[in-house]
Amino acid sequence: MRTEKARSRFVLCIRTNGSDDLELRKVYQVLPDSAAAREGYVRVIDESGEDYLYPTEYFVPLKLPVAIARVLVLPANQTSRPAAQASRRG
């Protein structure tokens, strides 16, 4: 099983320290930011829908299969055709 390429990384939130824009045990997409990484931060798209810096220790990195990573990077308003058809039947 192939895993995702370095261009789209994901992390699992393990700590929020009171942040309203993070959820424990949720997967977040990481955006590249080498300057932030050198300072001990990671840039993620949080619950506000925007990207912000958070301490690296709030997350653990994940290695996901390519098919799952592709689904996670789709815009929220874009769904695959079979899923959209299935939801209309129900």
Protein backbone atom coordinates (compact mmCIF):
# COMPACT_ATOMS: atom_id res chain seq x y z
CA MET A 1 0.00 0.00 0.00
CA ARG A 2 1.45 3.35 -1.04
CA THR A 3 1.60 6.17 1.47
CA GLU A 4 1.15 9.87 0.81
CA LYS A 5 3.90 12.03 -0.60
CA ALA A 6 5.61 14.71 1.48
CA ARG A 7 3.60 17.51 -0.19
CA SER A 8 0.43 16.62 1.71
CA ARG A 9 1.06 15.68 5.32
CA PHE A 10 -1.39 14.98 8.08
CA VAL A 11 -1.19 15.03 11.85
CA LEU A 12 -3.39 13.81 14.69
CA CYS A 13 -4.22 16.32 17.42
CA ILE A 14 -3.29 15.01 20.88
CA ARG A 15 -3.41 18.29 22.85
CA THR A 16 -5.31 21.57 22.51
CA ASN A 17 -4.31 23.54 25.64
CA GLY A 18 -7.67 25.30 25.54
CA SER A 19 -7.68 26.27 21.86
CA ASP A 20 -11.24 26.48 20.54
CA ASP A 21 -10.00 25.90 16.99
CA LEU A 22 -8.55 22.42 17.57
CA GLU A 23 -10.28 19.14 18.40
CA LEU A 24 -8.61 16.26 20.22
CA ARG A 25 -8.20 13.06 18.19
CA LYS A 26 -8.91 14.86 14.91
CA VAL A 27 -6.76 14.64 11.78
CA TYR A 28 -5.48 17.95 10.40
CA GLN A 29 -3.78 18.77 7.13
CA VAL A 30 -0.33 20.33 7.45
CA LEU A 31 0.78 23.10 5.14
CA PRO A 32 4.51 23.44 4.43
CA ASP A 33 6.24 26.11 6.51
CA SER A 34 9.92 25.43 7.06
CA ALA A 35 10.49 28.62 9.06
CA ALA A 36 7.73 27.64 11.52
CA ALA A 37 9.10 24.08 11.76
CA ARG A 38 12.53 25.43 12.74
CA GLU A 39 10.84 27.30 15.60
CA GLY A 40 8.89 24.24 16.80
CA TYR A 41 5.54 25.03 15.18
CA VAL A 42 3.37 23.37 12.57
CA ARG A 43 0.93 25.16 10.24
CA VAL A 44 -2.44 23.38 10.10
CA ILE A 45 -5.87 24.15 8.70
CA ASP A 46 -7.86 24.28 11.93
CA GLU A 47 -11.59 24.34 12.76
CA SER A 48 -11.86 27.97 11.65
CA GLY A 49 -11.02 26.81 8.12
CA GLU A 50 -7.90 28.95 8.10
CA ASP A 51 -4.28 27.94 8.52
CA TYR A 52 -2.56 28.83 11.78
CA LEU A 53 0.61 27.91 13.65
CA TYR A 54 0.44 25.60 16.65
CA PRO A 55 3.17 24.01 18.76
CA THR A 56 4.43 20.79 17.22
CA GLU A 57 3.84 18.91 20.49
CA TYR A 58 0.06 19.29 20.00
CA PHE A 59 0.24 16.71 17.19
CA VAL A 60 1.67 13.39 16.11
CA PRO A 61 2.48 12.82 12.43
CA LEU A 62 0.44 10.31 10.43
CA LYS A 63 1.36 8.24 7.40
CA LEU A 64 -1.79 7.65 5.39
CA PRO A 65 -2.45 5.55 2.30
CA VAL A 66 -2.50 7.70 -0.85
CA ALA A 67 -6.22 7.07 -1.49
CA ILE A 68 -7.16 8.36 1.97
CA ALA A 69 -4.86 11.38 1.74
CA ARG A 70 -6.45 12.35 -1.57
CA VAL A 71 -9.93 12.27 -0.04
CA LEU A 72 -8.82 14.39 2.91
CA VAL A 73 -7.38 17.15 0.73
CA LEU A 74 -10.58 17.54 -1.34
CA PRO A 75 -12.41 20.79 -0.64
CA ALA A 76 -15.25 20.29 1.84
CA ASN A 77 -17.91 21.17 -0.74
CA GLN A 78 -16.60 18.64 -3.29
CA THR A 79 -17.72 15.04 -2.93
CA SER A 80 -17.16 12.05 -5.13
CA ARG A 81 -20.03 11.17 -7.45
CA PRO A 82 -20.93 7.74 -5.94
CA ALA A 83 -21.15 9.20 -2.42
CA ALA A 84 -23.36 12.05 -3.59
CA GLN A 85 -25.69 9.62 -5.37
CA ALA A 86 -25.90 7.36 -2.35
CA SER A 87 -26.92 10.21 -0.09
CA ARG A 88 -29.78 11.21 -2.40
CA ARG A 89 -31.26 7.71 -2.37
CA GLY A 90 -31.52 7.52 1.39
